[in-house]
Amino acid sequence: MTTTTQTSESLIGSLCREMAALRQSWQLLNGHLSACRDAKLRLRLGREAARLQRRRLEIQRLARTMARLPLRDPLGASFLLEVAARPLPG
């Protein structure tokens, strides 16, 4: 049986992994954007960059909510909040 604590810890871990993947995608996207000369492709890449930024803000909002919950070990939620609050590299 999964407890609420186990579920929240699993969710925090998943969101931390998603933030790491998001940052990696952002860095690759920035490299593609800087090298891109095609206007249509730049537009698509720009939309993808906006999507990644929106997801980062959504994870940040979730992290703030989780940090306010009475978790058994709030360190994971604090870590997620710290990671999500960092701006994406320029």
C-alpha atoms as a PDB file:
ATOM      1  CA  MET A   1       0.000   0.000   0.000  1.00  0.00           C
ATOM      2  CA  THR A   2       1.390   3.427  -0.968  1.00  0.00           C
ATOM      3  CA  THR A   3       1.248   6.064   1.720  1.00  0.00           C
ATOM      4  CA  THR A   4       0.824   9.781   1.144  1.00  0.00           C
ATOM      5  CA  THR A   5       4.431  10.313   2.202  1.00  0.00           C
ATOM      6  CA  GLN A   6       5.724   7.785  -0.334  1.00  0.00           C
ATOM      7  CA  THR A   7       3.568   9.335  -3.043  1.00  0.00           C
ATOM      8  CA  SER A   8       4.786  12.868  -2.281  1.00  0.00           C
ATOM      9  CA  GLU A   9       8.421  11.723  -2.188  1.00  0.00           C
ATOM     10  CA  SER A  10       7.943   9.986  -5.524  1.00  0.00           C
ATOM     11  CA  LEU A  11       6.314  13.100  -6.962  1.00  0.00           C
ATOM     12  CA  ILE A  12       9.135  15.319  -5.698  1.00  0.00           C
ATOM     13  CA  GLY A  13      11.718  12.990  -7.246  1.00  0.00           C
ATOM     14  CA  SER A  14       9.837  12.930 -10.552  1.00  0.00           C
ATOM     15  CA  LEU A  15       9.595  16.718 -10.633  1.00  0.00           C
ATOM     16  CA  CYS A  16      13.315  17.070  -9.830  1.00  0.00           C
ATOM     17  CA  ARG A  17      14.141  14.714 -12.706  1.00  0.00           C
ATOM     18  CA  GLU A  18      11.800  16.639 -14.980  1.00  0.00           C
ATOM     19  CA  MET A  19      13.547  19.909 -14.065  1.00  0.00           C
ATOM     20  CA  ALA A  20      16.911  18.348 -14.924  1.00  0.00           C
ATOM     21  CA  ALA A  21      15.563  17.166 -18.299  1.00  0.00           C
ATOM     22  CA  LEU A  22      13.963  20.550 -18.897  1.00  0.00           C
ATOM     23  CA  ARG A  23      17.275  22.334 -18.281  1.00  0.00           C
ATOM     24  CA  GLN A  24      19.057  19.974 -20.657  1.00  0.00           C
ATOM     25  CA  SER A  25      16.413  20.548 -23.337  1.00  0.00           C
ATOM     26  CA  TRP A  26      16.691  24.302 -22.777  1.00  0.00           C
ATOM     27  CA  GLN A  27      20.453  24.244 -23.311  1.00  0.00           C
ATOM     28  CA  LEU A  28      20.118  22.218 -26.514  1.00  0.00           C
ATOM     29  CA  LEU A  29      17.348  24.513 -27.721  1.00  0.00           C
ATOM     30  CA  ASN A  30      19.464  27.608 -27.091  1.00  0.00           C
ATOM     31  CA  GLY A  31      22.271  26.088 -29.149  1.00  0.00           C
ATOM     32  CA  HIS A  32      19.891  25.369 -31.998  1.00  0.00           C
ATOM     33  CA  LEU A  33      18.387  28.848 -31.794  1.00  0.00           C
ATOM     34  CA  SER A  34      21.778  30.537 -31.956  1.00  0.00           C
ATOM     35  CA  ALA A  35      22.758  28.531 -35.045  1.00  0.00           C
ATOM     36  CA  CYS A  36      19.380  28.654 -36.821  1.00  0.00           C
ATOM     37  CA  ARG A  37      18.989  30.812 -39.930  1.00  0.00           C
ATOM     38  CA  ASP A  38      15.522  29.660 -41.025  1.00  0.00           C
ATOM     39  CA  ALA A  39      12.737  32.015 -39.874  1.00  0.00           C
ATOM     40  CA  LYS A  40      10.054  29.306 -39.628  1.00  0.00           C
ATOM     41  CA  LEU A  41      12.313  27.017 -37.643  1.00  0.00           C
ATOM     42  CA  ARG A  42      13.303  29.890 -35.334  1.00  0.00           C
ATOM     43  CA  LEU A  43       9.618  30.524 -34.710  1.00  0.00           C
ATOM     44  CA  ARG A  44       9.022  26.856 -33.832  1.00  0.00           C
ATOM     45  CA  LEU A  45      12.082  26.818 -31.582  1.00  0.00           C
ATOM     46  CA  GLY A  46      10.870  30.004 -29.913  1.00  0.00           C
ATOM     47  CA  ARG A  47       7.496  28.413 -29.193  1.00  0.00           C
ATOM     48  CA  GLU A  48       9.257  25.393 -27.697  1.00  0.00           C
ATOM     49  CA  ALA A  49      11.369  27.709 -25.523  1.00  0.00           C
ATOM     50  CA  ALA A  50       8.192  29.407 -24.278  1.00  0.00           C
ATOM     51  CA  ARG A  51       6.666  25.989 -23.513  1.00  0.00           C
ATOM     52  CA  LEU A  52       9.711  24.964 -21.490  1.00  0.00           C
ATOM     53  CA  GLN A  53       9.604  28.243 -19.574  1.00  0.00           C
ATOM     54  CA  ARG A  54       5.893  27.774 -18.790  1.00  0.00           C
ATOM     55  CA  ARG A  55       6.572  24.249 -17.533  1.00  0.00           C
ATOM     56  CA  ARG A  56       9.401  25.520 -15.319  1.00  0.00           C
ATOM     57  CA  LEU A  57       7.019  28.083 -13.799  1.00  0.00           C
ATOM     58  CA  GLU A  58       4.378  25.394 -13.306  1.00  0.00           C
ATOM     59  CA  ILE A  59       6.881  23.154 -11.506  1.00  0.00           C
ATOM     60  CA  GLN A  60       7.944  26.146  -9.415  1.00  0.00           C
ATOM     61  CA  ARG A  61       4.308  26.717  -8.410  1.00  0.00           C
ATOM     62  CA  LEU A  62       3.927  23.031  -7.517  1.00  0.00           C
ATOM     63  CA  ALA A  63       7.146  23.166  -5.482  1.00  0.00           C
ATOM     64  CA  ARG A  64       5.874  26.156  -3.482  1.00  0.00           C
ATOM     65  CA  THR A  65       2.653  24.283  -2.765  1.00  0.00           C
ATOM     66  CA  MET A  66       4.503  21.140  -1.711  1.00  0.00           C
ATOM     67  CA  ALA A  67       6.869  23.115   0.527  1.00  0.00           C
ATOM     68  CA  ARG A  68       3.819  24.250   2.535  1.00  0.00           C
ATOM     69  CA  LEU A  69       2.556  20.682   3.067  1.00  0.00           C
ATOM     70  CA  PRO A  70       3.261  18.850   6.327  1.00  0.00           C
ATOM     71  CA  LEU A  71       5.679  16.341   4.818  1.00  0.00           C
ATOM     72  CA  ARG A  72       7.618  13.887   6.947  1.00  0.00           C
ATOM     73  CA  ASP A  73      10.847  15.039   5.312  1.00  0.00           C
ATOM     74  CA  PRO A  74      10.477  18.555   3.866  1.00  0.00           C
ATOM     75  CA  LEU A  75      14.057  18.575   2.528  1.00  0.00           C
ATOM     76  CA  GLY A  76      13.020  17.115  -0.841  1.00  0.00           C
ATOM     77  CA  ALA A  77      10.361  19.795  -1.318  1.00  0.00           C
ATOM     78  CA  SER A  78      12.882  22.487  -0.356  1.00  0.00           C
ATOM     79  CA  PHE A  79      15.370  21.108  -2.872  1.00  0.00           C
ATOM     80  CA  LEU A  80      12.733  21.034  -5.608  1.00  0.00           C
ATOM     81  CA  LEU A  81      11.785  24.619  -4.778  1.00  0.00           C
ATOM     82  CA  GLU A  82      15.425  25.684  -5.052  1.00  0.00           C
ATOM     83  CA  VAL A  83      15.964  23.887  -8.362  1.00  0.00           C
ATOM     84  CA  ALA A  84      12.717  25.199  -9.871  1.00  0.00           C
ATOM     85  CA  ALA A  85      13.422  28.774  -8.758  1.00  0.00           C
ATOM     86  CA  ARG A  86      16.678  28.942 -10.698  1.00  0.00           C
ATOM     87  CA  PRO A  87      16.254  30.693 -14.039  1.00  0.00           C
ATOM     88  CA  LEU A  88      16.946  28.711 -17.168  1.00  0.00           C
ATOM     89  CA  PRO A  89      20.441  29.392 -18.503  1.00  0.00           C
ATOM     90  CA  GLY A  90      20.715  32.070 -21.165  1.00  0.00           C
END
